[in-house]
């Protein structure tokens, strides 16, 4: 993985975290995955170890859970 991946659910907590993150990290170095728009990426997030959103998966595979918005189980419905 060469980019960080920021997973979120589109809620206000997640969107706020996305905006803050993009002010800190060059947008070309992070992929944004919004589960409200693309649920097909849920298995990727689970495989990476994401347990709640918003979360940032770093290029070396560390998962940083940010400001708890929702569990991945809640996002899956």
PDB file of N, CA and C in Angstrom:
ATOM      1  N   UNK A   1       0.858  -1.171   0.000  1.00  0.00           N
ATOM      2  CA  UNK A   1       0.000   0.000   0.000  1.00  0.00           C
ATOM      3  C   UNK A   1       0.905   1.235   0.000  1.00  0.00           C
ATOM      4  N   UNK A   2       0.679   2.133  -0.919  1.00  0.00           N
ATOM      5  CA  UNK A   2       1.513   3.325  -0.993  1.00  0.00           C
ATOM      6  C   UNK A   2       0.814   4.563  -0.448  1.00  0.00           C
ATOM      7  N   UNK A   3      -0.513   4.525  -0.340  1.00  0.00           N
ATOM      8  CA  UNK A   3      -1.288   5.640   0.204  1.00  0.00           C
ATOM      9  C   UNK A   3      -1.924   5.213   1.517  1.00  0.00           C
ATOM     10  N   UNK A   4      -2.231   6.204   2.331  1.00  0.00           N
ATOM     11  CA  UNK A   4      -3.099   5.939   3.481  1.00  0.00           C
ATOM     12  C   UNK A   4      -4.522   5.834   2.943  1.00  0.00           C
ATOM     13  N   UNK A   5      -5.370   5.118   3.665  1.00  0.00           N
ATOM     14  CA  UNK A   5      -6.787   5.018   3.293  1.00  0.00           C
ATOM     15  C   UNK A   5      -7.610   5.483   4.485  1.00  0.00           C
ATOM     16  N   UNK A   6      -8.473   6.456   4.238  1.00  0.00           N
ATOM     17  CA  UNK A   6      -9.347   6.987   5.276  1.00  0.00           C
ATOM     18  C   UNK A   6     -10.745   6.453   5.021  1.00  0.00           C
ATOM     19  N   UNK A   7     -11.218   5.610   5.944  1.00  0.00           N
ATOM     20  CA  UNK A   7     -12.548   5.018   5.838  1.00  0.00           C
ATOM     21  C   UNK A   7     -13.516   5.805   6.714  1.00  0.00           C
ATOM     22  N   UNK A   8     -14.696   6.097   6.172  1.00  0.00           N
ATOM     23  CA  UNK A   8     -15.718   6.734   6.999  1.00  0.00           C
ATOM     24  C   UNK A   8     -17.108   6.412   6.478  1.00  0.00           C
ATOM     25  N   UNK A   9     -18.126   6.812   7.267  1.00  0.00           N
ATOM     26  CA  UNK A   9     -19.508   6.446   6.964  1.00  0.00           C
ATOM     27  C   UNK A   9     -20.355   7.611   6.470  1.00  0.00           C
ATOM     28  N   UNK A  10     -19.758   8.763   6.300  1.00  0.00           N
ATOM     29  CA  UNK A  10     -20.509   9.904   5.776  1.00  0.00           C
ATOM     30  C   UNK A  10     -21.252  10.709   6.819  1.00  0.00           C
ATOM     31  N   UNK A  11     -21.176  10.330   8.086  1.00  0.00           N
ATOM     32  CA  UNK A  11     -21.857  11.075   9.151  1.00  0.00           C
ATOM     33  C   UNK A  11     -21.105  12.372   9.435  1.00  0.00           C
ATOM     34  N   UNK A  12     -21.691  13.243  10.221  1.00  0.00           N
ATOM     35  CA  UNK A  12     -21.061  14.539  10.493  1.00  0.00           C
ATOM     36  C   UNK A  12     -19.724  14.395  11.215  1.00  0.00           C
ATOM     37  N   UNK A  13     -19.602  13.433  12.123  1.00  0.00           N
ATOM     38  CA  UNK A  13     -18.327  13.190  12.816  1.00  0.00           C
ATOM     39  C   UNK A  13     -17.262  12.788  11.796  1.00  0.00           C
ATOM     40  N   UNK A  14     -17.638  11.898  10.877  1.00  0.00           N
ATOM     41  CA  UNK A  14     -16.693  11.398   9.877  1.00  0.00           C
ATOM     42  C   UNK A  14     -16.288  12.480   8.881  1.00  0.00           C
ATOM     43  N   UNK A  15     -17.251  13.265   8.425  1.00  0.00           N
ATOM     44  CA  UNK A  15     -16.958  14.323   7.454  1.00  0.00           C
ATOM     45  C   UNK A  15     -16.049  15.375   8.082  1.00  0.00           C
ATOM     46  N   UNK A  16     -16.284  15.703   9.329  1.00  0.00           N
ATOM     47  CA  UNK A  16     -15.427  16.655  10.030  1.00  0.00           C
ATOM     48  C   UNK A  16     -14.004  16.111  10.143  1.00  0.00           C
ATOM     49  N   UNK A  17     -13.876  14.836  10.485  1.00  0.00           N
ATOM     50  CA  UNK A  17     -12.556  14.213  10.588  1.00  0.00           C
ATOM     51  C   UNK A  17     -11.871  14.187   9.222  1.00  0.00           C
ATOM     52  N   UNK A  18     -12.627  13.922   8.163  1.00  0.00           N
ATOM     53  CA  UNK A  18     -12.065  13.930   6.807  1.00  0.00           C
ATOM     54  C   UNK A  18     -11.500  15.307   6.470  1.00  0.00           C
ATOM     55  N   UNK A  19     -12.257  16.354   6.752  1.00  0.00           N
ATOM     56  CA  UNK A  19     -11.805  17.713   6.459  1.00  0.00           C
ATOM     57  C   UNK A  19     -10.537  18.050   7.237  1.00  0.00           C
ATOM     58  N   UNK A  20     -10.503  17.696   8.509  1.00  0.00           N
ATOM     59  CA  UNK A  20      -9.308  17.942   9.322  1.00  0.00           C
ATOM     60  C   UNK A  20      -8.115  17.151   8.790  1.00  0.00           C
ATOM     61  N   UNK A  21      -8.357  15.895   8.455  1.00  0.00           N
ATOM     62  CA  UNK A  21      -7.290  15.043   7.945  1.00  0.00           C
ATOM     63  C   UNK A  21      -6.695  15.609   6.658  1.00  0.00           C
ATOM     64  N   UNK A  22      -7.558  16.047   5.756  1.00  0.00           N
ATOM     65  CA  UNK A  22      -7.071  16.573   4.478  1.00  0.00           C
ATOM     66  C   UNK A  22      -6.355  17.909   4.627  1.00  0.00           C
ATOM     67  N   UNK A  23      -6.544  18.574   5.759  1.00  0.00           N
ATOM     68  CA  UNK A  23      -5.777  19.789   6.002  1.00  0.00           C
ATOM     69  C   UNK A  23      -4.386  19.457   6.557  1.00  0.00           C
ATOM     70  N   UNK A  24      -4.209  18.226   7.031  1.00  0.00           N
ATOM     71  CA  UNK A  24      -2.935  17.793   7.605  1.00  0.00           C
ATOM     72  C   UNK A  24      -2.103  16.941   6.647  1.00  0.00           C
ATOM     73  N   UNK A  25      -2.776  16.180   5.790  1.00  0.00           N
ATOM     74  CA  UNK A  25      -2.108  15.248   4.880  1.00  0.00           C
ATOM     75  C   UNK A  25      -2.404  15.683   3.450  1.00  0.00           C
ATOM     76  N   UNK A  26      -1.396  15.638   2.616  1.00  0.00           N
ATOM     77  CA  UNK A  26      -1.575  15.961   1.203  1.00  0.00           C
ATOM     78  C   UNK A  26      -2.666  15.053   0.628  1.00  0.00           C
ATOM     79  N   UNK A  27      -3.737  15.625   0.058  1.00  0.00           N
ATOM     80  CA  UNK A  27      -4.829  14.807  -0.478  1.00  0.00           C
ATOM     81  C   UNK A  27      -4.385  13.752  -1.494  1.00  0.00           C
ATOM     82  N   UNK A  28      -3.266  13.969  -2.169  1.00  0.00           N
ATOM     83  CA  UNK A  28      -2.788  12.976  -3.130  1.00  0.00           C
ATOM     84  C   UNK A  28      -2.178  11.756  -2.437  1.00  0.00           C
ATOM     85  N   UNK A  29      -1.982  11.842  -1.108  1.00  0.00           N
ATOM     86  CA  UNK A  29      -1.380  10.744  -0.355  1.00  0.00           C
ATOM     87  C   UNK A  29      -2.395   9.951   0.462  1.00  0.00           C
ATOM     88  N   UNK A  30      -3.672  10.270   0.290  1.00  0.00           N
ATOM     89  CA  UNK A  30      -4.708   9.558   1.042  1.00  0.00           C
ATOM     90  C   UNK A  30      -5.904   9.276   0.138  1.00  0.00           C
ATOM     91  N   UNK A  31      -6.384   8.050   0.224  1.00  0.00           N
ATOM     92  CA  UNK A  31      -7.600   7.652  -0.493  1.00  0.00           C
ATOM     93  C   UNK A  31      -8.759   7.750   0.487  1.00  0.00           C
ATOM     94  N   UNK A  32      -9.825   8.398   0.074  1.00  0.00           N
ATOM     95  CA  UNK A  32     -11.014   8.534   0.917  1.00  0.00           C
ATOM     96  C   UNK A  32     -12.038   7.486   0.491  1.00  0.00           C
ATOM     97  N   UNK A  33     -12.509   6.699   1.457  1.00  0.00           N
ATOM     98  CA  UNK A  33     -13.550   5.706   1.191  1.00  0.00           C
ATOM     99  C   UNK A  33     -14.730   6.027   2.094  1.00  0.00           C
ATOM    100  N   UNK A  34     -15.831   6.430   1.480  1.00  0.00           N
ATOM    101  CA  UNK A  34     -17.057   6.773   2.193  1.00  0.00           C
ATOM    102  C   UNK A  34     -18.034   5.613   2.010  1.00  0.00           C
ATOM    103  N   UNK A  35     -18.319   4.881   3.083  1.00  0.00           N
ATOM    104  CA  UNK A  35     -19.198   3.725   2.989  1.00  0.00           C
ATOM    105  C   UNK A  35     -20.638   4.098   2.642  1.00  0.00           C
ATOM    106  N   UNK A  36     -21.024   5.340   2.855  1.00  0.00           N
ATOM    107  CA  UNK A  36     -22.364   5.774   2.452  1.00  0.00           C
ATOM    108  C   UNK A  36     -22.471   5.781   0.933  1.00  0.00           C
ATOM    109  N   UNK A  37     -21.335   5.884   0.261  1.00  0.00           N
ATOM    110  CA  UNK A  37     -21.303   5.903  -1.207  1.00  0.00           C
ATOM    111  C   UNK A  37     -20.812   4.597  -1.811  1.00  0.00           C
ATOM    112  N   UNK A  38     -20.053   3.791  -1.055  1.00  0.00           N
ATOM    113  CA  UNK A  38     -19.453   2.575  -1.611  1.00  0.00           C
ATOM    114  C   UNK A  38     -19.278   1.513  -0.533  1.00  0.00           C
ATOM    115  N   UNK A  39     -20.292   0.675  -0.358  1.00  0.00           N
ATOM    116  CA  UNK A  39     -20.217  -0.382   0.657  1.00  0.00           C
ATOM    117  C   UNK A  39     -19.359  -1.562   0.198  1.00  0.00           C
ATOM    118  N   UNK A  40     -18.990  -1.600  -1.076  1.00  0.00           N
ATOM    119  CA  UNK A  40     -18.184  -2.716  -1.576  1.00  0.00           C
ATOM    120  C   UNK A  40     -16.795  -2.759  -0.944  1.00  0.00           C
ATOM    121  N   UNK A  41     -16.382  -1.674  -0.313  1.00  0.00           N
ATOM    122  CA  UNK A  41     -15.057  -1.607   0.303  1.00  0.00           C
ATOM    123  C   UNK A  41     -15.050  -2.076   1.762  1.00  0.00           C
ATOM    124  N   UNK A  42     -16.213  -2.436   2.304  1.00  0.00           N
ATOM    125  CA  UNK A  42     -16.283  -2.913   3.691  1.00  0.00           C
ATOM    126  C   UNK A  42     -15.366  -4.112   3.947  1.00  0.00           C
ATOM    127  N   UNK A  43     -15.331  -5.121   3.065  1.00  0.00           N
ATOM    128  CA  UNK A  43     -14.418  -6.247   3.320  1.00  0.00           C
ATOM    129  C   UNK A  43     -12.947  -5.829   3.385  1.00  0.00           C
ATOM    130  N   UNK A  44     -12.551  -4.853   2.568  1.00  0.00           N
ATOM    131  CA  UNK A  44     -11.173  -4.353   2.609  1.00  0.00           C
ATOM    132  C   UNK A  44     -10.868  -3.740   3.974  1.00  0.00           C
ATOM    133  N   UNK A  45     -11.811  -2.955   4.476  1.00  0.00           N
ATOM    134  CA  UNK A  45     -11.622  -2.312   5.774  1.00  0.00           C
ATOM    135  C   UNK A  45     -11.526  -3.357   6.885  1.00  0.00           C
ATOM    136  N   UNK A  46     -12.411  -4.333   6.841  1.00  0.00           N
ATOM    137  CA  UNK A  46     -12.372  -5.398   7.860  1.00  0.00           C
ATOM    138  C   UNK A  46     -11.046  -6.144   7.807  1.00  0.00           C
ATOM    139  N   UNK A  47     -10.605  -6.475   6.616  1.00  0.00           N
ATOM    140  CA  UNK A  47      -9.338  -7.202   6.455  1.00  0.00           C
ATOM    141  C   UNK A  47      -8.165  -6.395   7.001  1.00  0.00           C
ATOM    142  N   UNK A  48      -8.229  -5.069   6.867  1.00  0.00           N
ATOM    143  CA  UNK A  48      -7.167  -4.190   7.351  1.00  0.00           C
ATOM    144  C   UNK A  48      -7.191  -4.040   8.870  1.00  0.00           C
ATOM    145  N   UNK A  49      -8.317  -4.428   9.507  1.00  0.00           N
ATOM    146  CA  UNK A  49      -8.417  -4.326  10.961  1.00  0.00           C
ATOM    147  C   UNK A  49      -9.233  -3.149  11.457  1.00  0.00           C
ATOM    148  N   UNK A  50      -9.954  -2.490  10.555  1.00  0.00           N
ATOM    149  CA  UNK A  50     -10.808  -1.370  10.957  1.00  0.00           C
ATOM    150  C   UNK A  50     -11.975  -1.915  11.768  1.00  0.00           C
ATOM    151  N   UNK A  51     -12.189  -1.335  12.951  1.00  0.00           N
ATOM    152  CA  UNK A  51     -13.281  -1.769  13.831  1.00  0.00           C
ATOM    153  C   UNK A  51     -14.354  -0.705  13.971  1.00  0.00           C
ATOM    154  N   UNK A  52     -13.989   0.546  13.700  1.00  0.00           N
ATOM    155  CA  UNK A  52     -14.943   1.646  13.776  1.00  0.00           C
ATOM    156  C   UNK A  52     -14.493   2.735  12.812  1.00  0.00           C
ATOM    157  N   UNK A  53     -15.418   3.599  12.495  1.00  0.00           N
ATOM    158  CA  UNK A  53     -15.099   4.726  11.613  1.00  0.00           C
ATOM    159  C   UNK A  53     -15.415   6.020  12.338  1.00  0.00           C
ATOM    160  N   UNK A  54     -14.678   7.071  12.027  1.00  0.00           N
ATOM    161  CA  UNK A  54     -13.644   7.164  11.009  1.00  0.00           C
ATOM    162  C   UNK A  54     -12.345   6.480  11.441  1.00  0.00           C
ATOM    163  N   UNK A  55     -11.620   5.986  10.438  1.00  0.00           N
ATOM    164  CA  UNK A  55     -10.345   5.324  10.701  1.00  0.00           C
ATOM    165  C   UNK A  55      -9.398   5.560   9.533  1.00  0.00           C
ATOM    166  N   UNK A  56      -8.127   5.677   9.858  1.00  0.00           N
ATOM    167  CA  UNK A  56      -7.085   5.850   8.859  1.00  0.00           C
ATOM    168  C   UNK A  56      -6.177   4.633   8.893  1.00  0.00           C
ATOM    169  N   UNK A  57      -6.000   4.004   7.740  1.00  0.00           N
ATOM    170  CA  UNK A  57      -5.059   2.893   7.618  1.00  0.00           C
ATOM    171  C   UNK A  57      -3.820   3.458   6.935  1.00  0.00           C
ATOM    172  N   UNK A  58      -2.694   3.377   7.634  1.00  0.00           N
ATOM    173  CA  UNK A  58      -1.450   3.953   7.130  1.00  0.00           C
ATOM    174  C   UNK A  58      -0.816   3.022   6.093  1.00  0.00           C
ATOM    175  N   UNK A  59       0.133   3.533   5.303  1.00  0.00           N
ATOM    176  CA  UNK A  59       0.773   2.699   4.288  1.00  0.00           C
ATOM    177  C   UNK A  59       1.440   1.440   4.837  1.00  0.00           C
ATOM    178  N   UNK A  60       1.873   1.466   6.099  1.00  0.00           N
ATOM    179  CA  UNK A  60       2.490   0.257   6.658  1.00  0.00           C
ATOM    180  C   UNK A  60       1.486  -0.639   7.372  1.00  0.00           C
ATOM    181  N   UNK A  61       0.186  -0.312   7.266  1.00  0.00           N
ATOM    182  CA  UNK A  61      -0.859  -1.195   7.779  1.00  0.00           C
ATOM    183  C   UNK A  61      -1.385  -0.889   9.162  1.00  0.00           C
ATOM    184  N   UNK A  62      -0.881   0.158   9.815  1.00  0.00           N
ATOM    185  CA  UNK A  62      -1.426   0.529  11.117  1.00  0.00           C
ATOM    186  C   UNK A  62      -2.818   1.129  10.937  1.00  0.00           C
ATOM    187  N   UNK A  63      -3.722   0.792  11.844  1.00  0.00           N
ATOM    188  CA  UNK A  63      -5.078   1.336  11.814  1.00  0.00           C
ATOM    189  C   UNK A  63      -5.211   2.350  12.938  1.00  0.00           C
ATOM    190  N   UNK A  64      -5.525   3.581  12.571  1.00  0.00           N
ATOM    191  CA  UNK A  64      -5.721   4.644  13.546  1.00  0.00           C
ATOM    192  C   UNK A  64      -7.210   4.959  13.615  1.00  0.00           C
ATOM    193  N   UNK A  65      -7.850   4.557  14.703  1.00  0.00           N
ATOM    194  CA  UNK A  65      -9.273   4.838  14.898  1.00  0.00           C
ATOM    195  C   UNK A  65      -9.400   6.256  15.452  1.00  0.00           C
ATOM    196  N   UNK A  66     -10.193   7.081  14.786  1.00  0.00           N
ATOM    197  CA  UNK A  66     -10.269   8.501  15.082  1.00  0.00           C
ATOM    198  C   UNK A  66     -11.669   8.861  15.570  1.00  0.00           C
ATOM    199  N   UNK A  67     -11.775   9.476  16.744  1.00  0.00           N
ATOM    200  CA  UNK A  67     -13.030  10.088  17.181  1.00  0.00           C
ATOM    201  C   UNK A  67     -14.244   9.220  16.857  1.00  0.00           C
ATOM    202  N   UNK A  68     -14.444   8.155  17.604  1.00  0.00           N
ATOM    203  CA  UNK A  68     -15.469   7.139  17.331  1.00  0.00           C
ATOM    204  C   UNK A  68     -16.770   7.725  16.795  1.00  0.00           C
ATOM    205  N   UNK A  69     -17.149   7.292  15.603  1.00  0.00           N
ATOM    206  CA  UNK A  69     -18.409   7.695  14.982  1.00  0.00           C
ATOM    207  C   UNK A  69     -19.401   6.541  14.958  1.00  0.00           C
ATOM    208  N   UNK A  70     -18.935   5.361  14.513  1.00  0.00           N
ATOM    209  CA  UNK A  70     -19.804   4.179  14.439  1.00  0.00           C
ATOM    210  C   UNK A  70     -18.930   2.932  14.324  1.00  0.00           C
ATOM    211  N   UNK A  71     -19.426   1.843  14.873  1.00  0.00           N
ATOM    212  CA  UNK A  71     -18.711   0.576  14.701  1.00  0.00           C
ATOM    213  C   UNK A  71     -18.906   0.095  13.276  1.00  0.00           C
ATOM    214  N   UNK A  72     -17.994  -0.721  12.796  1.00  0.00           N
ATOM    215  CA  UNK A  72     -18.129  -1.262  11.446  1.00  0.00           C
ATOM    216  C   UNK A  72     -19.381  -2.142  11.353  1.00  0.00           C
ATOM    217  N   UNK A  73     -19.736  -2.811  12.442  1.00  0.00           N
ATOM    218  CA  UNK A  73     -20.953  -3.632  12.448  1.00  0.00           C
ATOM    219  C   UNK A  73     -22.191  -2.762  12.215  1.00  0.00           C
ATOM    220  N   UNK A  74     -22.203  -1.551  12.816  1.00  0.00           N
ATOM    221  CA  UNK A  74     -23.319  -0.634  12.593  1.00  0.00           C
ATOM    222  C   UNK A  74     -23.364  -0.142  11.142  1.00  0.00           C
ATOM    223  N   UNK A  75     -22.200   0.104  10.575  1.00  0.00           N
ATOM    224  CA  UNK A  75     -22.125   0.570   9.193  1.00  0.00           C
ATOM    225  C   UNK A  75     -22.651  -0.519   8.246  1.00  0.00           C
ATOM    226  N   UNK A  76     -22.303  -1.769   8.546  1.00  0.00           N
ATOM    227  CA  UNK A  76     -22.745  -2.899   7.703  1.00  0.00           C
ATOM    228  C   UNK A  76     -24.256  -3.085   7.790  1.00  0.00           C
ATOM    229  N   UNK A  77     -24.829  -2.659   8.917  1.00  0.00           N
ATOM    230  CA  UNK A  77     -26.283  -2.747   9.090  1.00  0.00           C
ATOM    231  C   UNK A  77     -26.709  -4.081   9.437  1.00  0.00           C
TER     232      UNK A  77
END
